Amino acid sequence: MSSSPLQSIAQAFEAEFSINFLIESLDGNVVLVLTDQAGTKIRRLITAEQLADPLKVKRIINAIRFGLAIDAGHGLSVMKALSEPANEKMLVTPSSDAVAEGTDTVRR
């Protein structure tokens, strides 16, 4: 990830949009504004807490990408692509010996 969370966010969208960050409050909250030739596409408040956590910054980027894909009519394909890493981390179903051990329904 880049040296700053704002740089990471800007780099994620700079190929498609003009990016502006507006200071929302003195506590570090900012508003992200993405615009293209048609006008403003996204306007999103990002809290100082979110900016301080690299995982939350990645989630913000993914959420914005998903919102843009929905607007463009591509929501399902993006949702599938975003969920593939999560599917790889799914837990293996426990064996029947580990499930309901000692109950009447377990057959060996």
PDB file of N, CA and C in Angstrom:
ATOM      1  N   MET A   1       0.847  -1.179   0.000  1.00  0.00           N
ATOM      2  CA  MET A   1       0.000   0.000   0.000  1.00  0.00           C
ATOM      3  C   MET A   1       0.890   1.239   0.000  1.00  0.00           C
ATOM      4  N   SER A   2       0.417   2.323  -0.488  1.00  0.00           N
ATOM      5  CA  SER A   2       1.183   3.563  -0.576  1.00  0.00           C
ATOM      6  C   SER A   2       1.486   4.121   0.801  1.00  0.00           C
ATOM      7  N   SER A   3       2.264   5.187   0.822  1.00  0.00           N
ATOM      8  CA  SER A   3       2.683   5.761   2.090  1.00  0.00           C
ATOM      9  C   SER A   3       1.539   6.410   2.862  1.00  0.00           C
ATOM     10  N   SER A   4       0.501   6.843   2.186  1.00  0.00           N
ATOM     11  CA  SER A   4      -0.625   7.442   2.899  1.00  0.00           C
ATOM     12  C   SER A   4      -1.939   6.843   2.410  1.00  0.00           C
ATOM     13  N   PRO A   5      -2.938   6.769   3.301  1.00  0.00           N
ATOM     14  CA  PRO A   5      -4.225   6.205   2.882  1.00  0.00           C
ATOM     15  C   PRO A   5      -4.897   7.027   1.781  1.00  0.00           C
ATOM     16  N   LEU A   6      -4.722   8.336   1.809  1.00  0.00           N
ATOM     17  CA  LEU A   6      -5.319   9.172   0.761  1.00  0.00           C
ATOM     18  C   LEU A   6      -4.677   8.889  -0.592  1.00  0.00           C
ATOM     19  N   GLN A   7      -3.360   8.644  -0.588  1.00  0.00           N
ATOM     20  CA  GLN A   7      -2.679   8.281  -1.837  1.00  0.00           C
ATOM     21  C   GLN A   7      -3.186   6.945  -2.364  1.00  0.00           C
ATOM     22  N   SER A   8      -3.411   5.994  -1.458  1.00  0.00           N
ATOM     23  CA  SER A   8      -3.920   4.678  -1.866  1.00  0.00           C
ATOM     24  C   SER A   8      -5.290   4.805  -2.523  1.00  0.00           C
ATOM     25  N   ILE A   9      -6.143   5.597  -1.923  1.00  0.00           N
ATOM     26  CA  ILE A   9      -7.486   5.799  -2.467  1.00  0.00           C
ATOM     27  C   ILE A   9      -7.399   6.507  -3.813  1.00  0.00           C
ATOM     28  N   ALA A  10      -6.587   7.548  -3.883  1.00  0.00           N
ATOM     29  CA  ALA A  10      -6.446   8.300  -5.129  1.00  0.00           C
ATOM     30  C   ALA A  10      -5.901   7.407  -6.249  1.00  0.00           C
ATOM     31  N   GLN A  11      -4.901   6.593  -5.943  1.00  0.00           N
ATOM     32  CA  GLN A  11      -4.308   5.717  -6.954  1.00  0.00           C
ATOM     33  C   GLN A  11      -5.314   4.676  -7.453  1.00  0.00           C
ATOM     34  N   ALA A  12      -6.233   4.277  -6.597  1.00  0.00           N
ATOM     35  CA  ALA A  12      -7.219   3.273  -6.995  1.00  0.00           C
ATOM     36  C   ALA A  12      -8.182   3.792  -8.065  1.00  0.00           C
ATOM     37  N   PHE A  13      -8.375   5.118  -8.116  1.00  0.00           N
ATOM     38  CA  PHE A  13      -9.392   5.671  -9.010  1.00  0.00           C
ATOM     39  C   PHE A  13      -8.872   6.711 -10.005  1.00  0.00           C
ATOM     40  N   GLU A  14      -7.578   7.017  -9.963  1.00  0.00           N
ATOM     41  CA  GLU A  14      -7.046   8.106 -10.786  1.00  0.00           C
ATOM     42  C   GLU A  14      -7.140   7.862 -12.287  1.00  0.00           C
ATOM     43  N   ALA A  15      -7.198   6.610 -12.711  1.00  0.00           N
ATOM     44  CA  ALA A  15      -7.272   6.327 -14.144  1.00  0.00           C
ATOM     45  C   ALA A  15      -8.633   6.697 -14.734  1.00  0.00           C
ATOM     46  N   GLU A  16      -9.673   6.707 -13.906  1.00  0.00           N
ATOM     47  CA  GLU A  16     -11.025   6.935 -14.397  1.00  0.00           C
ATOM     48  C   GLU A  16     -11.657   8.251 -13.957  1.00  0.00           C
ATOM     49  N   PHE A  17     -11.139   8.831 -12.874  1.00  0.00           N
ATOM     50  CA  PHE A  17     -11.822   9.975 -12.273  1.00  0.00           C
ATOM     51  C   PHE A  17     -10.857  11.078 -11.874  1.00  0.00           C
ATOM     52  N   SER A  18     -11.421  12.257 -11.755  1.00  0.00           N
ATOM     53  CA  SER A  18     -10.741  13.346 -11.079  1.00  0.00           C
ATOM     54  C   SER A  18     -11.055  13.182  -9.597  1.00  0.00           C
ATOM     55  N   ILE A  19     -10.031  13.280  -8.752  1.00  0.00           N
ATOM     56  CA  ILE A  19     -10.192  12.992  -7.332  1.00  0.00           C
ATOM     57  C   ILE A  19      -9.954  14.246  -6.512  1.00  0.00           C
ATOM     58  N   ASN A  20     -10.879  14.502  -5.598  1.00  0.00           N
ATOM     59  CA  ASN A  20     -10.725  15.606  -4.656  1.00  0.00           C
ATOM     60  C   ASN A  20     -11.032  15.107  -3.260  1.00  0.00           C
ATOM     61  N   PHE A  21     -10.245  15.569  -2.299  1.00  0.00           N
ATOM     62  CA  PHE A  21     -10.504  15.309  -0.891  1.00  0.00           C
ATOM     63  C   PHE A  21     -10.822  16.641  -0.235  1.00  0.00           C
ATOM     64  N   LEU A  22     -11.951  16.703   0.428  1.00  0.00           N
ATOM     65  CA  LEU A  22     -12.367  17.907   1.120  1.00  0.00           C
ATOM     66  C   LEU A  22     -12.289  17.671   2.620  1.00  0.00           C
ATOM     67  N   ILE A  23     -11.725  18.618   3.340  1.00  0.00           N
ATOM     68  CA  ILE A  23     -11.667  18.492   4.794  1.00  0.00           C
ATOM     69  C   ILE A  23     -13.072  18.694   5.344  1.00  0.00           C
ATOM     70  N   GLU A  24     -13.568  17.660   6.010  1.00  0.00           N
ATOM     71  CA  GLU A  24     -14.915  17.697   6.567  1.00  0.00           C
ATOM     72  C   GLU A  24     -14.915  18.313   7.957  1.00  0.00           C
ATOM     73  N   SER A  25     -13.927  17.957   8.766  1.00  0.00           N
ATOM     74  CA  SER A  25     -13.851  18.475  10.125  1.00  0.00           C
ATOM     75  C   SER A  25     -12.400  18.452  10.598  1.00  0.00           C
ATOM     76  N   LEU A  26     -12.150  19.110  11.701  1.00  0.00           N
ATOM     77  CA  LEU A  26     -10.787  19.190  12.218  1.00  0.00           C
ATOM     78  C   LEU A  26     -10.313  17.887  12.848  1.00  0.00           C
ATOM     79  N   ASP A  27     -11.213  16.936  13.044  1.00  0.00           N
ATOM     80  CA  ASP A  27     -10.816  15.661  13.649  1.00  0.00           C
ATOM     81  C   ASP A  27     -10.243  14.675  12.637  1.00  0.00           C
ATOM     82  N   GLY A  28     -10.078  15.082  11.393  1.00  0.00           N
ATOM     83  CA  GLY A  28      -9.446  14.252  10.387  1.00  0.00           C
ATOM     84  C   GLY A  28     -10.379  13.616   9.376  1.00  0.00           C
ATOM     85  N   ASN A  29     -11.675  13.829   9.505  1.00  0.00           N
ATOM     86  CA  ASN A  29     -12.619  13.293   8.529  1.00  0.00           C
ATOM     87  C   ASN A  29     -12.495  14.051   7.214  1.00  0.00           C
ATOM     88  N   VAL A  30     -12.599  13.319   6.113  1.00  0.00           N
ATOM     89  CA  VAL A  30     -12.533  13.937   4.784  1.00  0.00           C
ATOM     90  C   VAL A  30     -13.702  13.436   3.943  1.00  0.00           C
ATOM     91  N   VAL A  31     -14.013  14.189   2.904  1.00  0.00           N
ATOM     92  CA  VAL A  31     -15.005  13.752   1.920  1.00  0.00           C
ATOM     93  C   VAL A  31     -14.259  13.489   0.622  1.00  0.00           C
ATOM     94  N   LEU A  32     -14.440  12.289   0.100  1.00  0.00           N
ATOM     95  CA  LEU A  32     -13.869  11.914  -1.194  1.00  0.00           C
ATOM     96  C   LEU A  32     -14.892  12.257  -2.257  1.00  0.00           C
ATOM     97  N   VAL A  33     -14.447  12.967  -3.301  1.00  0.00           N
ATOM     98  CA  VAL A  33     -15.320  13.285  -4.428  1.00  0.00           C
ATOM     99  C   VAL A  33     -14.648  12.777  -5.700  1.00  0.00           C
ATOM    100  N   LEU A  34     -15.346  11.875  -6.397  1.00  0.00           N
ATOM    101  CA  LEU A  34     -14.873  11.363  -7.686  1.00  0.00           C
ATOM    102  C   LEU A  34     -15.750  11.948  -8.769  1.00  0.00           C
ATOM    103  N   THR A  35     -15.120  12.575  -9.768  1.00  0.00           N
ATOM    104  CA  THR A  35     -15.874  13.152 -10.875  1.00  0.00           C
ATOM    105  C   THR A  35     -15.296  12.671 -12.199  1.00  0.00           C
ATOM    106  N   ASP A  36     -16.173  12.620 -13.207  1.00  0.00           N
ATOM    107  CA  ASP A  36     -15.752  12.336 -14.575  1.00  0.00           C
ATOM    108  C   ASP A  36     -16.353  13.399 -15.479  1.00  0.00           C
ATOM    109  N   GLN A  37     -16.336  13.183 -16.780  1.00  0.00           N
ATOM    110  CA  GLN A  37     -16.850  14.184 -17.711  1.00  0.00           C
ATOM    111  C   GLN A  37     -18.334  14.462 -17.498  1.00  0.00           C
ATOM    112  N   ALA A  38     -19.062  13.498 -16.994  1.00  0.00           N
ATOM    113  CA  ALA A  38     -20.501  13.665 -16.771  1.00  0.00           C
ATOM    114  C   ALA A  38     -20.814  14.376 -15.459  1.00  0.00           C
ATOM    115  N   GLY A  39     -19.831  14.500 -14.579  1.00  0.00           N
ATOM    116  CA  GLY A  39     -20.050  15.165 -13.292  1.00  0.00           C
ATOM    117  C   GLY A  39     -19.655  14.280 -12.123  1.00  0.00           C
ATOM    118  N   THR A  40     -20.178  14.610 -10.955  1.00  0.00           N
ATOM    119  CA  THR A  40     -19.837  13.875  -9.739  1.00  0.00           C
ATOM    120  C   THR A  40     -20.438  12.482  -9.769  1.00  0.00           C
ATOM    121  N   LYS A  41     -19.592  11.479  -9.551  1.00  0.00           N
ATOM    122  CA  LYS A  41     -20.037  10.082  -9.496  1.00  0.00           C
ATOM    123  C   LYS A  41     -20.178   9.601  -8.057  1.00  0.00           C
ATOM    124  N   ILE A  42     -19.198   9.942  -7.224  1.00  0.00           N
ATOM    125  CA  ILE A  42     -19.170   9.472  -5.840  1.00  0.00           C
ATOM    126  C   ILE A  42     -18.828  10.640  -4.933  1.00  0.00           C
ATOM    127  N   ARG A  43     -19.526  10.687  -3.826  1.00  0.00           N
ATOM    128  CA  ARG A  43     -19.224  11.640  -2.758  1.00  0.00           C
ATOM    129  C   ARG A  43     -19.350  10.842  -1.475  1.00  0.00           C
ATOM    130  N   ARG A  44     -18.221  10.607  -0.789  1.00  0.00           N
ATOM    131  CA  ARG A  44     -18.238   9.716   0.365  1.00  0.00           C
ATOM    132  C   ARG A  44     -17.428  10.276   1.519  1.00  0.00           C
ATOM    133  N   LEU A  45     -18.045  10.241   2.701  1.00  0.00           N
ATOM    134  CA  LEU A  45     -17.357  10.646   3.924  1.00  0.00           C
ATOM    135  C   LEU A  45     -16.455   9.504   4.369  1.00  0.00           C
ATOM    136  N   ILE A  46     -15.214   9.833   4.672  1.00  0.00           N
ATOM    137  CA  ILE A  46     -14.261   8.856   5.197  1.00  0.00           C
ATOM    138  C   ILE A  46     -13.760   9.398   6.521  1.00  0.00           C
ATOM    139  N   THR A  47     -13.949   8.608   7.568  1.00  0.00           N
ATOM    140  CA  THR A  47     -13.583   9.070   8.904  1.00  0.00           C
ATOM    141  C   THR A  47     -12.084   8.909   9.143  1.00  0.00           C
ATOM    142  N   ALA A  48     -11.597   9.643  10.132  1.00  0.00           N
ATOM    143  CA  ALA A  48     -10.193   9.533  10.516  1.00  0.00           C
ATOM    144  C   ALA A  48      -9.883   8.116  10.989  1.00  0.00           C
ATOM    145  N   GLU A  49     -10.831   7.480  11.668  1.00  0.00           N
ATOM    146  CA  GLU A  49     -10.653   6.096  12.128  1.00  0.00           C
ATOM    147  C   GLU A  49     -10.464   5.148  10.941  1.00  0.00           C
ATOM    148  N   GLN A  50     -11.250   5.327   9.893  1.00  0.00           N
ATOM    149  CA  GLN A  50     -11.111   4.486   8.703  1.00  0.00           C
ATOM    150  C   GLN A  50      -9.762   4.720   8.028  1.00  0.00           C
ATOM    151  N   LEU A  51      -9.344   5.954   7.950  1.00  0.00           N
ATOM    152  CA  LEU A  51      -8.069   6.282   7.301  1.00  0.00           C
ATOM    153  C   LEU A  51      -6.875   5.728   8.068  1.00  0.00           C
ATOM    154  N   ALA A  52      -7.030   5.516   9.367  1.00  0.00           N
ATOM    155  CA  ALA A  52      -5.934   5.027  10.197  1.00  0.00           C
ATOM    156  C   ALA A  52      -5.739   3.516  10.097  1.00  0.00           C
ATOM    157  N   ASP A  53      -6.682   2.814   9.477  1.00  0.00           N
ATOM    158  CA  ASP A  53      -6.631   1.352   9.404  1.00  0.00           C
ATOM    159  C   ASP A  53      -6.511   0.908   7.940  1.00  0.00           C
ATOM    160  N   PRO A  54      -5.360   0.338   7.539  1.00  0.00           N
ATOM    161  CA  PRO A  54      -5.174  -0.070   6.144  1.00  0.00           C
ATOM    162  C   PRO A  54      -6.235  -1.049   5.642  1.00  0.00           C
ATOM    163  N   LEU A  55      -6.712  -1.933   6.493  1.00  0.00           N
ATOM    164  CA  LEU A  55      -7.762  -2.867   6.083  1.00  0.00           C
ATOM    165  C   LEU A  55      -9.064  -2.125   5.776  1.00  0.00           C
ATOM    166  N   LYS A  56      -9.386  -1.126   6.580  1.00  0.00           N
ATOM    167  CA  LYS A  56     -10.592  -0.332   6.333  1.00  0.00           C
ATOM    168  C   LYS A  56     -10.454   0.489   5.056  1.00  0.00           C
ATOM    169  N   VAL A  57      -9.251   0.955   4.760  1.00  0.00           N
ATOM    170  CA  VAL A  57      -9.020   1.697   3.510  1.00  0.00           C
ATOM    171  C   VAL A  57      -9.284   0.780   2.314  1.00  0.00           C
ATOM    172  N   LYS A  58      -8.798  -0.468   2.394  1.00  0.00           N
ATOM    173  CA  LYS A  58      -9.056  -1.429   1.305  1.00  0.00           C
ATOM    174  C   LYS A  58     -10.550  -1.699   1.163  1.00  0.00           C
ATOM    175  N   ARG A  59     -11.251  -1.800   2.291  1.00  0.00           N
ATOM    176  CA  ARG A  59     -12.702  -2.036   2.247  1.00  0.00           C
ATOM    177  C   ARG A  59     -13.432  -0.850   1.622  1.00  0.00           C
ATOM    178  N   ILE A  60     -12.988   0.355   1.929  1.00  0.00           N
ATOM    179  CA  ILE A  60     -13.592   1.550   1.338  1.00  0.00           C
ATOM    180  C   ILE A  60     -13.418   1.511  -0.176  1.00  0.00           C
ATOM    181  N   ILE A  61     -12.209   1.208  -0.623  1.00  0.00           N
ATOM    182  CA  ILE A  61     -11.936   1.145  -2.064  1.00  0.00           C
ATOM    183  C   ILE A  61     -12.832   0.098  -2.720  1.00  0.00           C
ATOM    184  N   ASN A  62     -12.925  -1.084  -2.121  1.00  0.00           N
ATOM    185  CA  ASN A  62     -13.774  -2.142  -2.682  1.00  0.00           C
ATOM    186  C   ASN A  62     -15.244  -1.753  -2.682  1.00  0.00           C
ATOM    187  N   ALA A  63     -15.703  -1.102  -1.618  1.00  0.00           N
ATOM    188  CA  ALA A  63     -17.111  -0.684  -1.546  1.00  0.00           C
ATOM    189  C   ALA A  63     -17.423   0.346  -2.627  1.00  0.00           C
ATOM    190  N   ILE A  64     -16.508   1.269  -2.858  1.00  0.00           N
ATOM    191  CA  ILE A  64     -16.713   2.277  -3.903  1.00  0.00           C
ATOM    192  C   ILE A  64     -16.721   1.611  -5.278  1.00  0.00           C
ATOM    193  N   ARG A  65     -15.784   0.700  -5.510  1.00  0.00           N
ATOM    194  CA  ARG A  65     -15.757  -0.030  -6.785  1.00  0.00           C
ATOM    195  C   ARG A  65     -17.059  -0.789  -7.011  1.00  0.00           C
ATOM    196  N   PHE A  66     -17.559  -1.411  -5.951  1.00  0.00           N
ATOM    197  CA  PHE A  66     -18.807  -2.160  -6.058  1.00  0.00           C
ATOM    198  C   PHE A  66     -19.967  -1.223  -6.380  1.00  0.00           C
ATOM    199  N   GLY A  67     -20.020  -0.068  -5.719  1.00  0.00           N
ATOM    200  CA  GLY A  67     -21.071   0.917  -5.998  1.00  0.00           C
ATOM    201  C   GLY A  67     -21.012   1.413  -7.428  1.00  0.00           C
ATOM    202  N   LEU A  68     -19.823   1.663  -7.915  1.00  0.00           N
ATOM    203  CA  LEU A  68     -19.659   2.099  -9.303  1.00  0.00           C
ATOM    204  C   LEU A  68     -20.094   1.003 -10.272  1.00  0.00           C
ATOM    205  N   ALA A  69     -19.764  -0.245  -9.953  1.00  0.00           N
ATOM    206  CA  ALA A  69     -20.159  -1.357 -10.814  1.00  0.00           C
ATOM    207  C   ALA A  69     -21.676  -1.522 -10.852  1.00  0.00           C
ATOM    208  N   ILE A  70     -22.320  -1.353  -9.712  1.00  0.00           N
ATOM    209  CA  ILE A  70     -23.783  -1.430  -9.674  1.00  0.00           C
ATOM    210  C   ILE A  70     -24.377  -0.344 -10.550  1.00  0.00           C
ATOM    211  N   ASP A  71     -23.857   0.872 -10.430  1.00  0.00           N
ATOM    212  CA  ASP A  71     -24.344   1.973 -11.259  1.00  0.00           C
ATOM    213  C   ASP A  71     -24.167   1.693 -12.746  1.00  0.00           C
ATOM    214  N   ALA A  72     -23.097   0.967 -13.087  1.00  0.00           N
ATOM    215  CA  ALA A  72     -22.819   0.654 -14.489  1.00  0.00           C
ATOM    216  C   ALA A  72     -23.519  -0.627 -14.946  1.00  0.00           C
ATOM    217  N   GLY A  73     -24.241  -1.292 -14.023  1.00  0.00           N
ATOM    218  CA  GLY A  73     -24.950  -2.520 -14.375  1.00  0.00           C
ATOM    219  C   GLY A  73     -24.103  -3.775 -14.296  1.00  0.00           C
ATOM    220  N   HIS A  74     -22.972  -3.710 -13.598  1.00  0.00           N
ATOM    221  CA  HIS A  74     -22.065  -4.856 -13.506  1.00  0.00           C
ATOM    222  C   HIS A  74     -21.909  -5.350 -12.070  1.00  0.00           C
ATOM    223  N   GLY A  75     -22.886  -5.141 -11.246  1.00  0.00           N
ATOM    224  CA  GLY A  75     -22.776  -5.468  -9.825  1.00  0.00           C
ATOM    225  C   GLY A  75     -22.492  -6.919  -9.524  1.00  0.00           C
ATOM    226  N   LEU A  76     -23.149  -7.840 -10.207  1.00  0.00           N
ATOM    227  CA  LEU A  76     -22.962  -9.263  -9.903  1.00  0.00           C
ATOM    228  C   LEU A  76     -21.560  -9.748 -10.230  1.00  0.00           C
ATOM    229  N   SER A  77     -21.013  -9.325 -11.354  1.00  0.00           N
ATOM    230  CA  SER A  77     -19.671  -9.786 -11.719  1.00  0.00           C
ATOM    231  C   SER A  77     -18.621  -9.231 -10.747  1.00  0.00           C
ATOM    232  N   VAL A  78     -18.790  -8.009 -10.292  1.00  0.00           N
ATOM    233  CA  VAL A  78     -17.843  -7.435  -9.343  1.00  0.00           C
ATOM    234  C   VAL A  78     -18.001  -8.101  -7.980  1.00  0.00           C
ATOM    235  N   MET A  79     -19.234  -8.370  -7.576  1.00  0.00           N
ATOM    236  CA  MET A  79     -19.456  -9.035  -6.300  1.00  0.00           C
ATOM    237  C   MET A  79     -18.789 -10.406  -6.302  1.00  0.00           C
ATOM    238  N   LYS A  80     -18.867 -11.124  -7.398  1.00  0.00           N
ATOM    239  CA  LYS A  80     -18.224 -12.435  -7.503  1.00  0.00           C
ATOM    240  C   LYS A  80     -16.712 -12.285  -7.394  1.00  0.00           C
ATOM    241  N   ALA A  81     -16.148 -11.321  -8.080  1.00  0.00           N
ATOM    242  CA  ALA A  81     -14.693 -11.114  -8.047  1.00  0.00           C
ATOM    243  C   ALA A  81     -14.222 -10.719  -6.654  1.00  0.00           C
ATOM    244  N   LEU A  82     -14.998  -9.887  -5.963  1.00  0.00           N
ATOM    245  CA  LEU A  82     -14.613  -9.460  -4.619  1.00  0.00           C
ATOM    246  C   LEU A  82     -14.764 -10.581  -3.602  1.00  0.00           C
ATOM    247  N   SER A  83     -15.675 -11.502  -3.833  1.00  0.00           N
ATOM    248  CA  SER A  83     -15.907 -12.570  -2.863  1.00  0.00           C
ATOM    249  C   SER A  83     -15.004 -13.768  -3.071  1.00  0.00           C
ATOM    250  N   GLU A  84     -14.327 -13.893  -4.203  1.00  0.00           N
ATOM    251  CA  GLU A  84     -13.445 -15.036  -4.443  1.00  0.00           C
ATOM    252  C   GLU A  84     -12.353 -15.167  -3.394  1.00  0.00           C
ATOM    253  N   PRO A  85     -11.665 -14.087  -2.970  1.00  0.00           N
ATOM    254  CA  PRO A  85     -10.665 -14.256  -1.912  1.00  0.00           C
ATOM    255  C   PRO A  85     -11.293 -14.758  -0.606  1.00  0.00           C
ATOM    256  N   ALA A  86     -12.499 -14.336  -0.295  1.00  0.00           N
ATOM    257  CA  ALA A  86     -13.166 -14.795   0.919  1.00  0.00           C
ATOM    258  C   ALA A  86     -13.533 -16.266   0.817  1.00  0.00           C
ATOM    259  N   ASN A  87     -13.917 -16.716  -0.361  1.00  0.00           N
ATOM    260  CA  ASN A  87     -14.271 -18.123  -0.548  1.00  0.00           C
ATOM    261  C   ASN A  87     -13.078 -19.032  -0.316  1.00  0.00           C
ATOM    262  N   GLU A  88     -11.887 -18.563  -0.623  1.00  0.00           N
ATOM    263  CA  GLU A  88     -10.682 -19.363  -0.434  1.00  0.00           C
ATOM    264  C   GLU A  88     -10.386 -19.581   1.048  1.00  0.00           C
ATOM    265  N   LYS A  89     -10.890 -18.711   1.915  1.00  0.00           N
ATOM    266  CA  LYS A  89     -10.621 -18.786   3.346  1.00  0.00           C
ATOM    267  C   LYS A  89     -11.719 -19.497   4.126  1.00  0.00           C
ATOM    268  N   MET A  90     -12.730 -20.044   3.439  1.00  0.00           N
ATOM    269  CA  MET A  90     -13.826 -20.709   4.129  1.00  0.00           C
ATOM    270  C   MET A  90     -13.308 -21.913   4.903  1.00  0.00           C
ATOM    271  N   LEU A  91     -13.934 -22.155   6.026  1.00  0.00           N
ATOM    272  CA  LEU A  91     -13.546 -23.283   6.860  1.00  0.00           C
ATOM    273  C   LEU A  91     -14.023 -24.589   6.257  1.00  0.00           C
ATOM    274  N   VAL A  92     -13.266 -25.628   6.504  1.00  0.00           N
ATOM    275  CA  VAL A  92     -13.648 -26.964   6.076  1.00  0.00           C
ATOM    276  C   VAL A  92     -14.736 -27.460   7.011  1.00  0.00           C
ATOM    277  N   THR A  93     -15.756 -28.132   6.482  1.00  0.00           N
ATOM    278  CA  THR A  93     -16.835 -28.671   7.290  1.00  0.00           C
ATOM    279  C   THR A  93     -16.276 -29.753   8.197  1.00  0.00           C
ATOM    280  N   PRO A  94     -16.609 -29.716   9.484  1.00  0.00           N
ATOM    281  CA  PRO A  94     -16.078 -30.720  10.409  1.00  0.00           C
ATOM    282  C   PRO A  94     -16.616 -32.110  10.074  1.00  0.00           C
ATOM    283  N   SER A  95     -15.856 -33.111  10.462  1.00  0.00           N
ATOM    284  CA  SER A  95     -16.279 -34.487  10.190  1.00  0.00           C
ATOM    285  C   SER A  95     -17.470 -34.849  11.059  1.00  0.00           C
ATOM    286  N   SER A  96     -18.161 -35.928  10.709  1.00  0.00           N
ATOM    287  CA  SER A  96     -19.338 -36.332  11.467  1.00  0.00           C
ATOM    288  C   SER A  96     -18.971 -36.755  12.881  1.00  0.00           C
ATOM    289  N   ASP A  97     -17.728 -37.201  13.126  1.00  0.00           N
ATOM    290  CA  ASP A  97     -17.308 -37.569  14.465  1.00  0.00           C
ATOM    291  C   ASP A  97     -17.225 -36.358  15.383  1.00  0.00           C
ATOM    292  N   ALA A  98     -16.835 -35.207  14.807  1.00  0.00           N
ATOM    293  CA  ALA A  98     -16.699 -33.996  15.608  1.00  0.00           C
ATOM    294  C   ALA A  98     -18.039 -33.317  15.845  1.00  0.00           C
ATOM    295  N   VAL A  99     -18.994 -33.564  14.959  1.00  0.00           N
ATOM    296  CA  VAL A  99     -20.299 -32.932  15.072  1.00  0.00           C
ATOM    297  C   VAL A  99     -21.201 -33.831  15.902  1.00  0.00           C
ATOM    298  N   ALA A 100     -21.849 -33.282  16.853  1.00  0.00           N
ATOM    299  CA  ALA A 100     -22.842 -33.956  17.674  1.00  0.00           C
ATOM    300  C   ALA A 100     -22.288 -35.191  18.378  1.00  0.00           C
ATOM    301  N   GLU A 101     -21.046 -35.136  18.796  1.00  0.00           N
ATOM    302  CA  GLU A 101     -20.418 -36.249  19.511  1.00  0.00           C
ATOM    303  C   GLU A 101     -21.229 -36.577  20.751  1.00  0.00           C
ATOM    304  N   GLY A 102     -21.579 -37.824  20.930  1.00  0.00           N
ATOM    305  CA  GLY A 102     -22.300 -38.248  22.120  1.00  0.00           C
ATOM    306  C   GLY A 102     -23.799 -38.071  22.051  1.00  0.00           C
ATOM    307  N   THR A 103     -24.343 -37.719  20.900  1.00  0.00           N
ATOM    308  CA  THR A 103     -25.798 -37.577  20.789  1.00  0.00           C
ATOM    309  C   THR A 103     -26.385 -38.812  20.155  1.00  0.00           C
ATOM    310  N   ASP A 104     -27.668 -38.936  20.210  1.00  0.00           N
ATOM    311  CA  ASP A 104     -28.354 -40.094  19.661  1.00  0.00           C
ATOM    312  C   ASP A 104     -28.291 -40.161  18.142  1.00  0.00           C
ATOM    313  N   THR A 105     -28.012 -39.038  17.483  1.00  0.00           N
ATOM    314  CA  THR A 105     -28.083 -39.013  16.024  1.00  0.00           C
ATOM    315  C   THR A 105     -26.785 -39.428  15.349  1.00  0.00           C
ATOM    316  N   VAL A 106     -25.722 -39.591  16.097  1.00  0.00           N
ATOM    317  CA  VAL A 106     -24.438 -39.947  15.487  1.00  0.00           C
ATOM    318  C   VAL A 106     -24.401 -41.457  15.286  1.00  0.00           C
ATOM    319  N   ARG A 107     -24.082 -41.894  14.069  1.00  0.00           N
ATOM    320  CA  ARG A 107     -23.922 -43.323  13.751  1.00  0.00           C
ATOM    321  C   ARG A 107     -22.488 -43.571  13.327  1.00  0.00           C
ATOM    322  N   ARG A 108     -21.935 -44.617  13.773  1.00  0.00           N
ATOM    323  CA  ARG A 108     -20.541 -44.963  13.419  1.00  0.00           C
ATOM    324  C   ARG A 108     -20.481 -46.270  12.729  1.00  0.00           C
TER     325      ARG A 108
END
